[in-house]
Amino acid sequence: MAIFLNKDSKVIVQGMTGATGMKHTKLMLGDGTNIVGGVNPRKAGTSVDFDGTEVPVFGSVAEAMEKTGANVSVLFVPPAFAKAAVVEAIDAEIPLAVVITEGIAVHDSAAFWAYAKSKGNKTRIIGPNCPGLITPGASNAGIIPGDITKPGKIGLVSKSGTLTYQMMYELRDIGFSSCVGIGGDPVIGTTHIDALEAFEADPETELIVMIGEIGGDAEERAADFIKAHVTKPVVGYVAGFTAPEGKTMGHAGAIVSGSSGTAQAKKEALEAAGVKVGKTPTETAKLAREILEGRA
C-alpha cells in the first residue's frame, strides 16, 4: 500500500523540457514511474526521447489529462512562472500536484493554496520547495533518489529534503510504504497532519517517522493531532537543536521567536503526545528500529 502515489499513478511533468525537468524525468522513469507526458505550450505536439522511451509533450495540463488519463503532475517550472503553472493544474482538477520549485514568492504560494481551497481542494498540493514523494518500488514523483531504500512498513513525512534521504538510508533494511517531503516554506500545501492522517489509514504502514525543523508551529499542531487521532507508533526528529535563537536559518520557514518554534519546544510537545524524539537522525532511526523489534 501507499499514500498519495502508487504503481498505477499516471504522471505528467510541467516544465519537462527544461534542463532540470529533463534530468529528473529521466531519473523518475528509471525508478519505474509511469510518466505519460510533459507540458510546454511552446513545444506541444513534439516528444522527447528518454533512452528509448518517447514521452509526448502537450500544450496544457487539461490536454495531457484528456489524452493520457494523468492524475499526478510534477512541476519543475521556474519561480516566476510557478504560480500560473499550479493554477493551471488546479483548473484542470488534477488530483495531485507536486511542486518541486524552490524560491517561489510566499505571496504566490499563498495565492495558489487559497485558489485550490476555493475550488474545493480537488487538487492536493505537495510543496513547494520540496523533494516530492516516493513509494519505493512503485513510483517516484520528484527528486528523491530511488535507490536508497526498498518497500517496507515505515511511513515518512519530512520538512527537509536531505533528512528525508538520510532517514530512508538509515532504515533501508526495513523499508518504507511511502516517503513524503512536504517542504519547509512558510506556506505549503500538504502538511504533517495530512500525511499522518493518511499513514494512520494505510494498513501497510506500521510505524510513522515525522521530521520537522525549527520555526513555526507545524510540529506542535501535529503533536495535538497525534494525541487525538493516531494509534500507530510515531518517532520524531526536529532539526535545529544547535541553532541560535532569533535567527533565520536555512528554509524561509525556519524563524524562531521567543520559545515557540524552537527545537526544544517542539520536542516537548511531541513527547507529551507519546512520540519518541531522537536528538539526531541516527538516534531517531534507532528508536524506530527498537519499536518495530519490540524493544521499546
C-alpha atoms as a PDB file:
ATOM      1  CA  MET A   1       0.000   0.000   0.000  1.00  0.00           C
ATOM      2  CA  ALA A   2       0.989   3.637  -0.236  1.00  0.00           C
ATOM      3  CA  ILE A   3      -0.297   7.146   0.306  1.00  0.00           C
ATOM      4  CA  PHE A   4      -0.972   9.645  -2.493  1.00  0.00           C
ATOM      5  CA  LEU A   5       1.154   7.772  -5.101  1.00  0.00           C
ATOM      6  CA  ASN A   6       1.199   4.153  -6.323  1.00  0.00           C
ATOM      7  CA  LYS A   7       2.250   1.966  -9.252  1.00  0.00           C
ATOM      8  CA  ASP A   8      -0.933   2.905 -11.156  1.00  0.00           C
ATOM      9  CA  SER A   9      -0.301   6.672 -10.903  1.00  0.00           C
ATOM     10  CA  LYS A  10      -0.022   8.345 -14.314  1.00  0.00           C
ATOM     11  CA  VAL A  11       2.431  11.220 -14.069  1.00  0.00           C
ATOM     12  CA  ILE A  12       2.961  14.301 -16.222  1.00  0.00           C
ATOM     13  CA  VAL A  13       5.812  16.783 -15.828  1.00  0.00           C
ATOM     14  CA  GLN A  14       5.189  20.522 -16.136  1.00  0.00           C
ATOM     15  CA  GLY A  15       8.493  22.007 -17.256  1.00  0.00           C
ATOM     16  CA  MET A  16       9.748  18.661 -18.545  1.00  0.00           C
ATOM     17  CA  THR A  17      11.670  20.164 -21.467  1.00  0.00           C
ATOM     18  CA  GLY A  18      13.840  22.423 -19.294  1.00  0.00           C
ATOM     19  CA  ALA A  19      17.256  21.224 -18.101  1.00  0.00           C
ATOM     20  CA  THR A  20      16.087  20.297 -14.588  1.00  0.00           C
ATOM     21  CA  GLY A  21      12.872  18.743 -15.843  1.00  0.00           C
ATOM     22  CA  MET A  22      14.746  16.631 -18.397  1.00  0.00           C
ATOM     23  CA  LYS A  23      17.255  15.394 -15.823  1.00  0.00           C
ATOM     24  CA  HIS A  24      14.671  14.340 -13.260  1.00  0.00           C
ATOM     25  CA  THR A  25      12.178  12.934 -15.765  1.00  0.00           C
ATOM     26  CA  LYS A  26      14.920  10.546 -16.863  1.00  0.00           C
ATOM     27  CA  LEU A  27      15.608   9.575 -13.245  1.00  0.00           C
ATOM     28  CA  MET A  28      11.908   9.111 -12.441  1.00  0.00           C
ATOM     29  CA  LEU A  29      11.486   6.866 -15.488  1.00  0.00           C
ATOM     30  CA  GLY A  30      14.469   4.862 -14.280  1.00  0.00           C
ATOM     31  CA  ASP A  31      12.653   4.327 -10.965  1.00  0.00           C
ATOM     32  CA  GLY A  32       9.668   2.844 -12.785  1.00  0.00           C
ATOM     33  CA  THR A  33       7.422   5.903 -12.662  1.00  0.00           C
ATOM     34  CA  ASN A  34       4.688   5.812 -15.296  1.00  0.00           C
ATOM     35  CA  ILE A  35       5.382   9.190 -16.940  1.00  0.00           C
ATOM     36  CA  VAL A  36       2.798   9.716 -19.656  1.00  0.00           C
ATOM     37  CA  GLY A  37       3.605  13.230 -20.829  1.00  0.00           C
ATOM     38  CA  GLY A  38       5.180  16.633 -20.394  1.00  0.00           C
ATOM     39  CA  VAL A  39       3.596  20.079 -20.588  1.00  0.00           C
ATOM     40  CA  ASN A  40       5.044  23.016 -22.516  1.00  0.00           C
ATOM     41  CA  PRO A  41       2.720  25.167 -24.678  1.00  0.00           C
ATOM     42  CA  ARG A  42       5.626  26.171 -26.958  1.00  0.00           C
ATOM     43  CA  LYS A  43       6.578  22.557 -27.698  1.00  0.00           C
ATOM     44  CA  ALA A  44       3.121  20.964 -27.865  1.00  0.00           C
ATOM     45  CA  GLY A  45       2.908  18.147 -30.381  1.00  0.00           C
ATOM     46  CA  THR A  46       6.555  17.163 -30.054  1.00  0.00           C
ATOM     47  CA  SER A  47       8.037  14.358 -27.969  1.00  0.00           C
ATOM     48  CA  VAL A  48      11.219  13.721 -26.015  1.00  0.00           C
ATOM     49  CA  ASP A  49      13.238  10.504 -26.234  1.00  0.00           C
ATOM     50  CA  PHE A  50      14.486   9.295 -22.854  1.00  0.00           C
ATOM     51  CA  ASP A  51      16.759   6.354 -23.684  1.00  0.00           C
ATOM     52  CA  GLY A  52      14.182   4.793 -25.973  1.00  0.00           C
ATOM     53  CA  THR A  53      11.072   5.919 -24.086  1.00  0.00           C
ATOM     54  CA  GLU A  54       9.164   8.513 -26.109  1.00  0.00           C
ATOM     55  CA  VAL A  55       7.299  10.978 -23.884  1.00  0.00           C
ATOM     56  CA  PRO A  56       4.825  13.270 -25.683  1.00  0.00           C
ATOM     57  CA  VAL A  57       4.614  16.991 -24.917  1.00  0.00           C
ATOM     58  CA  PHE A  58       1.187  18.606 -24.530  1.00  0.00           C
ATOM     59  CA  GLY A  59       0.096  22.213 -24.621  1.00  0.00           C
ATOM     60  CA  SER A  60      -1.715  22.192 -21.298  1.00  0.00           C
ATOM     61  CA  VAL A  61      -2.379  20.096 -18.224  1.00  0.00           C
ATOM     62  CA  ALA A  62      -6.007  19.683 -19.286  1.00  0.00           C
ATOM     63  CA  GLU A  63      -4.972  18.317 -22.694  1.00  0.00           C
ATOM     64  CA  ALA A  64      -2.445  15.957 -21.112  1.00  0.00           C
ATOM     65  CA  MET A  65      -5.093  14.625 -18.726  1.00  0.00           C
ATOM     66  CA  GLU A  66      -7.610  14.183 -21.523  1.00  0.00           C
ATOM     67  CA  LYS A  67      -5.152  12.328 -23.776  1.00  0.00           C
ATOM     68  CA  THR A  68      -3.383  10.193 -21.153  1.00  0.00           C
ATOM     69  CA  GLY A  69      -5.591   9.927 -18.063  1.00  0.00           C
ATOM     70  CA  ALA A  70      -2.840  11.565 -15.986  1.00  0.00           C
ATOM     71  CA  ASN A  71      -3.624  12.023 -12.298  1.00  0.00           C
ATOM     72  CA  VAL A  72      -0.309  13.414 -10.978  1.00  0.00           C
ATOM     73  CA  SER A  73       1.731  16.413 -12.109  1.00  0.00           C
ATOM     74  CA  VAL A  74       5.299  17.154 -11.035  1.00  0.00           C
ATOM     75  CA  LEU A  75       6.293  20.789 -11.521  1.00  0.00           C
ATOM     76  CA  PHE A  76       9.817  21.911 -12.438  1.00  0.00           C
ATOM     77  CA  VAL A  77       8.673  25.378 -13.507  1.00  0.00           C
ATOM     78  CA  PRO A  78      10.886  28.425 -12.698  1.00  0.00           C
ATOM     79  CA  PRO A  79       9.708  30.511  -9.713  1.00  0.00           C
ATOM     80  CA  ALA A  80       8.386  33.424 -11.773  1.00  0.00           C
ATOM     81  CA  PHE A  81       6.021  31.141 -13.705  1.00  0.00           C
ATOM     82  CA  ALA A  82       5.243  28.595 -10.995  1.00  0.00           C
ATOM     83  CA  LYS A  83       2.055  30.236  -9.716  1.00  0.00           C
ATOM     84  CA  ALA A  84       0.478  30.196 -13.191  1.00  0.00           C
ATOM     85  CA  ALA A  85       1.525  26.562 -13.658  1.00  0.00           C
ATOM     86  CA  VAL A  86      -0.007  25.471 -10.340  1.00  0.00           C
ATOM     87  CA  VAL A  87      -3.211  27.406 -11.093  1.00  0.00           C
ATOM     88  CA  GLU A  88      -3.389  25.633 -14.463  1.00  0.00           C
ATOM     89  CA  ALA A  89      -3.081  22.259 -12.701  1.00  0.00           C
ATOM     90  CA  ILE A  90      -5.813  23.261 -10.225  1.00  0.00           C
ATOM     91  CA  ASP A  91      -8.114  24.426 -13.038  1.00  0.00           C
ATOM     92  CA  ALA A  92      -7.623  21.058 -14.760  1.00  0.00           C
ATOM     93  CA  GLU A  93      -8.544  19.370 -11.435  1.00  0.00           C
ATOM     94  CA  ILE A  94      -5.569  17.037 -11.481  1.00  0.00           C
ATOM     95  CA  PRO A  95      -5.740  15.122  -8.177  1.00  0.00           C
ATOM     96  CA  LEU A  96      -2.095  15.656  -7.159  1.00  0.00           C
ATOM     97  CA  ALA A  97       0.361  18.474  -7.970  1.00  0.00           C
ATOM     98  CA  VAL A  98       3.911  18.074  -6.670  1.00  0.00           C
ATOM     99  CA  VAL A  99       5.635  21.482  -6.695  1.00  0.00           C
ATOM    100  CA  ILE A 100       9.403  20.941  -6.592  1.00  0.00           C
ATOM    101  CA  THR A 101      10.365  24.544  -7.418  1.00  0.00           C
ATOM    102  CA  GLU A 102      12.424  26.420  -4.842  1.00  0.00           C
ATOM    103  CA  GLY A 103      12.280  30.195  -4.438  1.00  0.00           C
ATOM    104  CA  ILE A 104       8.581  30.769  -5.160  1.00  0.00           C
ATOM    105  CA  ALA A 105       7.426  34.025  -3.548  1.00  0.00           C
ATOM    106  CA  VAL A 106       5.405  33.356  -0.393  1.00  0.00           C
ATOM    107  CA  HIS A 107       2.664  35.594  -1.806  1.00  0.00           C
ATOM    108  CA  ASP A 108       2.407  33.330  -4.856  1.00  0.00           C
ATOM    109  CA  SER A 109       2.312  30.163  -2.741  1.00  0.00           C
ATOM    110  CA  ALA A 110      -0.395  31.656  -0.543  1.00  0.00           C
ATOM    111  CA  ALA A 111      -2.346  32.649  -3.648  1.00  0.00           C
ATOM    112  CA  PHE A 112      -2.363  29.205  -5.269  1.00  0.00           C
ATOM    113  CA  TRP A 113      -3.024  27.495  -1.928  1.00  0.00           C
ATOM    114  CA  ALA A 114      -6.076  29.731  -1.430  1.00  0.00           C
ATOM    115  CA  TYR A 115      -7.132  29.161  -5.054  1.00  0.00           C
ATOM    116  CA  ALA A 116      -7.044  25.386  -4.584  1.00  0.00           C
ATOM    117  CA  LYS A 117      -9.182  25.762  -1.472  1.00  0.00           C
ATOM    118  CA  SER A 118     -11.669  27.994  -3.300  1.00  0.00           C
ATOM    119  CA  LYS A 119     -12.006  25.277  -5.962  1.00  0.00           C
ATOM    120  CA  GLY A 120     -12.923  22.668  -3.375  1.00  0.00           C
ATOM    121  CA  ASN A 121      -9.428  21.246  -2.767  1.00  0.00           C
ATOM    122  CA  LYS A 122      -9.816  18.854  -5.714  1.00  0.00           C
ATOM    123  CA  THR A 123      -6.052  19.148  -6.250  1.00  0.00           C
ATOM    124  CA  ARG A 124      -3.735  18.076  -3.436  1.00  0.00           C
ATOM    125  CA  ILE A 125      -0.595  20.229  -3.496  1.00  0.00           C
ATOM    126  CA  ILE A 126       2.689  18.887  -2.148  1.00  0.00           C
ATOM    127  CA  GLY A 127       5.351  21.577  -1.670  1.00  0.00           C
ATOM    128  CA  PRO A 128       6.572  23.958  -2.884  1.00  0.00           C
ATOM    129  CA  ASN A 129      10.327  23.776  -2.293  1.00  0.00           C
ATOM    130  CA  CYS A 130      10.164  20.061  -1.626  1.00  0.00           C
ATOM    131  CA  PRO A 131      11.751  16.823  -2.882  1.00  0.00           C
ATOM    132  CA  GLY A 132       8.345  15.316  -3.708  1.00  0.00           C
ATOM    133  CA  LEU A 133       7.271  11.832  -2.720  1.00  0.00           C
ATOM    134  CA  ILE A 134       8.185   8.245  -3.454  1.00  0.00           C
ATOM    135  CA  THR A 135       6.511   4.900  -2.996  1.00  0.00           C
ATOM    136  CA  PRO A 136       9.591   2.659  -3.203  1.00  0.00           C
ATOM    137  CA  GLY A 137       9.431   0.044  -5.928  1.00  0.00           C
ATOM    138  CA  ALA A 138       6.302   1.582  -7.439  1.00  0.00           C
ATOM    139  CA  SER A 139       6.535   5.273  -8.344  1.00  0.00           C
ATOM    140  CA  ASN A 140       8.645   8.368  -7.726  1.00  0.00           C
ATOM    141  CA  ALA A 141       7.263  11.895  -8.206  1.00  0.00           C
ATOM    142  CA  GLY A 142      10.069  14.386  -7.629  1.00  0.00           C
ATOM    143  CA  ILE A 143      13.791  14.353  -6.913  1.00  0.00           C
ATOM    144  CA  ILE A 144      14.132  11.763  -4.123  1.00  0.00           C
ATOM    145  CA  PRO A 145      16.843   9.219  -5.031  1.00  0.00           C
ATOM    146  CA  GLY A 146      15.056   5.995  -5.911  1.00  0.00           C
ATOM    147  CA  ASP A 147      17.817   3.570  -4.993  1.00  0.00           C
ATOM    148  CA  ILE A 148      18.462   4.272  -1.299  1.00  0.00           C
ATOM    149  CA  THR A 149      15.688   2.205   0.242  1.00  0.00           C
ATOM    150  CA  LYS A 150      13.143  -0.522  -0.504  1.00  0.00           C
ATOM    151  CA  PRO A 151       9.407  -1.137   0.001  1.00  0.00           C
ATOM    152  CA  GLY A 152       8.532  -1.691   3.652  1.00  0.00           C
ATOM    153  CA  LYS A 153       6.327  -0.788   6.593  1.00  0.00           C
ATOM    154  CA  ILE A 154       7.531   2.673   7.681  1.00  0.00           C
ATOM    155  CA  GLY A 155       5.770   5.867   6.617  1.00  0.00           C
ATOM    156  CA  LEU A 156       7.946   9.002   6.465  1.00  0.00           C
ATOM    157  CA  VAL A 157       6.888  12.648   6.360  1.00  0.00           C
ATOM    158  CA  SER A 158       9.556  15.337   6.427  1.00  0.00           C
ATOM    159  CA  LYS A 159      10.035  19.090   6.070  1.00  0.00           C
ATOM    160  CA  SER A 160      13.654  18.600   4.994  1.00  0.00           C
ATOM    161  CA  GLY A 161      14.756  17.034   1.721  1.00  0.00           C
ATOM    162  CA  THR A 162      18.216  15.885   2.783  1.00  0.00           C
ATOM    163  CA  LEU A 163      16.940  14.496   6.077  1.00  0.00           C
ATOM    164  CA  THR A 164      14.315  12.563   4.104  1.00  0.00           C
ATOM    165  CA  TYR A 165      17.123  10.873   2.195  1.00  0.00           C
ATOM    166  CA  GLN A 166      19.175  10.218   5.312  1.00  0.00           C
ATOM    167  CA  MET A 167      16.273   8.601   7.164  1.00  0.00           C
ATOM    168  CA  MET A 168      15.421   6.458   4.135  1.00  0.00           C
ATOM    169  CA  TYR A 169      19.025   5.270   4.042  1.00  0.00           C
ATOM    170  CA  GLU A 170      19.298   4.707   7.806  1.00  0.00           C
ATOM    171  CA  LEU A 171      16.237   2.424   7.743  1.00  0.00           C
ATOM    172  CA  ARG A 172      16.798   0.940   4.283  1.00  0.00           C
ATOM    173  CA  ASP A 173      16.848  -2.628   5.601  1.00  0.00           C
ATOM    174  CA  ILE A 174      13.271  -2.250   6.905  1.00  0.00           C
ATOM    175  CA  GLY A 175      11.932  -0.130   4.053  1.00  0.00           C
ATOM    176  CA  PHE A 176       9.111   2.358   3.558  1.00  0.00           C
ATOM    177  CA  SER A 177       5.496   2.354   2.436  1.00  0.00           C
ATOM    178  CA  SER A 178       5.775   5.975   1.226  1.00  0.00           C
ATOM    179  CA  CYS A 179       8.116   8.896   1.871  1.00  0.00           C
ATOM    180  CA  VAL A 180       6.676  12.405   1.574  1.00  0.00           C
ATOM    181  CA  GLY A 181       8.781  15.564   1.562  1.00  0.00           C
ATOM    182  CA  ILE A 182       6.371  18.388   2.328  1.00  0.00           C
ATOM    183  CA  GLY A 183       8.848  21.284   2.068  1.00  0.00           C
ATOM    184  CA  GLY A 184       9.961  23.886   4.576  1.00  0.00           C
ATOM    185  CA  ASP A 185       8.448  27.107   3.209  1.00  0.00           C
ATOM    186  CA  PRO A 186       6.082  29.160   5.414  1.00  0.00           C
ATOM    187  CA  VAL A 187       3.119  28.290   3.158  1.00  0.00           C
ATOM    188  CA  ILE A 188       2.824  24.709   1.916  1.00  0.00           C
ATOM    189  CA  GLY A 189       0.033  22.524   0.636  1.00  0.00           C
ATOM    190  CA  THR A 190       0.124  19.095   2.286  1.00  0.00           C
ATOM    191  CA  THR A 191       1.112  19.255   5.962  1.00  0.00           C
ATOM    192  CA  HIS A 192       2.490  16.860   8.555  1.00  0.00           C
ATOM    193  CA  ILE A 193      -1.103  16.347   9.722  1.00  0.00           C
ATOM    194  CA  ASP A 194      -2.341  15.415   6.233  1.00  0.00           C
ATOM    195  CA  ALA A 195       0.392  12.785   5.899  1.00  0.00           C
ATOM    196  CA  LEU A 196      -0.115  11.480   9.446  1.00  0.00           C
ATOM    197  CA  GLU A 197      -3.824  11.025   8.741  1.00  0.00           C
ATOM    198  CA  ALA A 198      -3.072   9.138   5.506  1.00  0.00           C
ATOM    199  CA  PHE A 199      -0.457   6.896   7.143  1.00  0.00           C
ATOM    200  CA  GLU A 200      -2.822   6.137  10.019  1.00  0.00           C
ATOM    201  CA  ALA A 201      -5.388   4.927   7.449  1.00  0.00           C
ATOM    202  CA  ASP A 202      -2.850   2.903   5.413  1.00  0.00           C
ATOM    203  CA  PRO A 203      -2.993  -0.748   6.533  1.00  0.00           C
ATOM    204  CA  GLU A 204       0.580  -1.471   5.392  1.00  0.00           C
ATOM    205  CA  THR A 205       2.184   1.337   7.406  1.00  0.00           C
ATOM    206  CA  GLU A 206       3.126   0.065  10.869  1.00  0.00           C
ATOM    207  CA  LEU A 207       5.200   2.989  12.150  1.00  0.00           C
ATOM    208  CA  ILE A 208       5.477   6.659  11.192  1.00  0.00           C
ATOM    209  CA  VAL A 209       8.620   8.785  11.228  1.00  0.00           C
ATOM    210  CA  MET A 210       7.999  12.538  11.290  1.00  0.00           C
ATOM    211  CA  ILE A 211      10.823  15.001  10.648  1.00  0.00           C
ATOM    212  CA  GLY A 212      10.356  18.653  11.491  1.00  0.00           C
ATOM    213  CA  GLU A 213      12.580  21.666  11.936  1.00  0.00           C
ATOM    214  CA  ILE A 214      12.730  24.886  13.908  1.00  0.00           C
ATOM    215  CA  GLY A 215      10.321  27.678  13.108  1.00  0.00           C
ATOM    216  CA  GLY A 216       6.545  27.981  13.028  1.00  0.00           C
ATOM    217  CA  ASP A 217       4.181  25.734  14.967  1.00  0.00           C
ATOM    218  CA  ALA A 218       3.528  22.894  12.490  1.00  0.00           C
ATOM    219  CA  GLU A 219       5.092  20.264  14.737  1.00  0.00           C
ATOM    220  CA  GLU A 220       3.121  21.419  17.788  1.00  0.00           C
ATOM    221  CA  ARG A 221      -0.102  21.169  15.801  1.00  0.00           C
ATOM    222  CA  ALA A 222       0.957  17.749  14.545  1.00  0.00           C
ATOM    223  CA  ALA A 223       1.548  16.686  18.150  1.00  0.00           C
ATOM    224  CA  ASP A 224      -2.032  17.657  19.036  1.00  0.00           C
ATOM    225  CA  PHE A 225      -3.297  15.630  16.065  1.00  0.00           C
ATOM    226  CA  ILE A 226      -1.215  12.591  17.019  1.00  0.00           C
ATOM    227  CA  LYS A 227      -2.543  12.698  20.556  1.00  0.00           C
ATOM    228  CA  ALA A 228      -6.149  12.790  19.351  1.00  0.00           C
ATOM    229  CA  HIS A 229      -6.143  10.650  16.198  1.00  0.00           C
ATOM    230  CA  VAL A 230      -3.034   8.493  15.662  1.00  0.00           C
ATOM    231  CA  THR A 231      -2.876   4.993  17.130  1.00  0.00           C
ATOM    232  CA  LYS A 232       0.305   3.834  15.389  1.00  0.00           C
ATOM    233  CA  PRO A 233       3.722   4.489  16.947  1.00  0.00           C
ATOM    234  CA  VAL A 234       5.327   7.750  15.815  1.00  0.00           C
ATOM    235  CA  VAL A 235       9.018   8.597  16.036  1.00  0.00           C
ATOM    236  CA  GLY A 236      10.133  12.181  15.544  1.00  0.00           C
ATOM    237  CA  TYR A 237      13.173  14.305  14.848  1.00  0.00           C
ATOM    238  CA  VAL A 238      13.378  18.097  14.936  1.00  0.00           C
ATOM    239  CA  ALA A 239      16.274  19.697  13.064  1.00  0.00           C
ATOM    240  CA  GLY A 240      17.862  22.731  14.683  1.00  0.00           C
ATOM    241  CA  PHE A 241      18.745  21.929  18.303  1.00  0.00           C
ATOM    242  CA  THR A 242      22.005  23.847  17.959  1.00  0.00           C
ATOM    243  CA  ALA A 243      20.606  26.799  16.007  1.00  0.00           C
ATOM    244  CA  PRO A 244      20.958  30.232  17.646  1.00  0.00           C
ATOM    245  CA  GLU A 245      17.576  31.591  18.716  1.00  0.00           C
ATOM    246  CA  GLY A 246      16.153  34.608  16.920  1.00  0.00           C
ATOM    247  CA  LYS A 247      17.994  33.895  13.666  1.00  0.00           C
ATOM    248  CA  THR A 248      16.506  32.961  10.311  1.00  0.00           C
ATOM    249  CA  MET A 249      18.038  29.626   9.349  1.00  0.00           C
ATOM    250  CA  GLY A 250      18.107  27.833   6.002  1.00  0.00           C
ATOM    251  CA  HIS A 251      14.499  27.446   4.939  1.00  0.00           C
ATOM    252  CA  ALA A 252      12.417  30.590   4.818  1.00  0.00           C
ATOM    253  CA  GLY A 253      10.013  28.952   7.270  1.00  0.00           C
ATOM    254  CA  ALA A 254      12.635  28.397   9.961  1.00  0.00           C
ATOM    255  CA  ILE A 255      12.107  31.536  12.018  1.00  0.00           C
ATOM    256  CA  VAL A 256      12.259  31.265  15.785  1.00  0.00           C
ATOM    257  CA  SER A 257      10.526  33.772  18.011  1.00  0.00           C
ATOM    258  CA  GLY A 258      10.743  33.510  21.789  1.00  0.00           C
ATOM    259  CA  SER A 259      10.290  29.948  22.998  1.00  0.00           C
ATOM    260  CA  SER A 260       7.818  28.993  20.274  1.00  0.00           C
ATOM    261  CA  GLY A 261       9.346  27.395  17.226  1.00  0.00           C
ATOM    262  CA  THR A 262      12.482  26.132  18.975  1.00  0.00           C
ATOM    263  CA  ALA A 263      13.603  22.542  18.625  1.00  0.00           C
ATOM    264  CA  GLN A 264      13.242  22.004  22.373  1.00  0.00           C
ATOM    265  CA  ALA A 265       9.653  23.310  22.430  1.00  0.00           C
ATOM    266  CA  LYS A 266       8.717  21.058  19.525  1.00  0.00           C
ATOM    267  CA  LYS A 267      10.430  18.060  21.134  1.00  0.00           C
ATOM    268  CA  GLU A 268       8.491  18.608  24.362  1.00  0.00           C
ATOM    269  CA  ALA A 269       5.168  18.947  22.517  1.00  0.00           C
ATOM    270  CA  LEU A 270       5.772  15.735  20.582  1.00  0.00           C
ATOM    271  CA  GLU A 271       6.901  13.789  23.647  1.00  0.00           C
ATOM    272  CA  ALA A 272       3.785  14.943  25.506  1.00  0.00           C
ATOM    273  CA  ALA A 273       1.792  13.283  22.691  1.00  0.00           C
ATOM    274  CA  GLY A 274       3.644   9.999  23.180  1.00  0.00           C
ATOM    275  CA  VAL A 275       6.125  10.474  20.335  1.00  0.00           C
ATOM    276  CA  LYS A 276       9.680   9.258  20.891  1.00  0.00           C
ATOM    277  CA  VAL A 277      12.022  12.020  19.671  1.00  0.00           C
ATOM    278  CA  GLY A 278      15.657  11.485  18.700  1.00  0.00           C
ATOM    279  CA  LYS A 279      18.343  14.127  19.136  1.00  0.00           C
ATOM    280  CA  THR A 280      19.985  13.102  15.845  1.00  0.00           C
ATOM    281  CA  PRO A 281      18.704  11.393  12.694  1.00  0.00           C
ATOM    282  CA  THR A 282      20.680   8.255  13.583  1.00  0.00           C
ATOM    283  CA  GLU A 283      19.217   8.149  17.094  1.00  0.00           C
ATOM    284  CA  THR A 284      15.749   8.628  15.583  1.00  0.00           C
ATOM    285  CA  ALA A 285      16.288   5.683  13.237  1.00  0.00           C
ATOM    286  CA  LYS A 286      17.465   3.597  16.201  1.00  0.00           C
ATOM    287  CA  LEU A 287      14.262   4.422  18.111  1.00  0.00           C
ATOM    288  CA  ALA A 288      12.154   3.383  15.113  1.00  0.00           C
ATOM    289  CA  ARG A 289      14.083   0.132  14.797  1.00  0.00           C
ATOM    290  CA  GLU A 290      13.664  -0.674  18.506  1.00  0.00           C
ATOM    291  CA  ILE A 291       9.889  -0.116  18.369  1.00  0.00           C
ATOM    292  CA  LEU A 292       9.490  -2.362  15.336  1.00  0.00           C
ATOM    293  CA  GLU A 293      11.623  -5.019  17.005  1.00  0.00           C
ATOM    294  CA  GLY A 294       9.502  -4.809  20.150  1.00  0.00           C
ATOM    295  CA  ARG A 295      12.206  -3.465  22.430  1.00  0.00           C
ATOM    296  CA  ALA A 296      10.639  -0.080  23.114  1.00  0.00           C
END
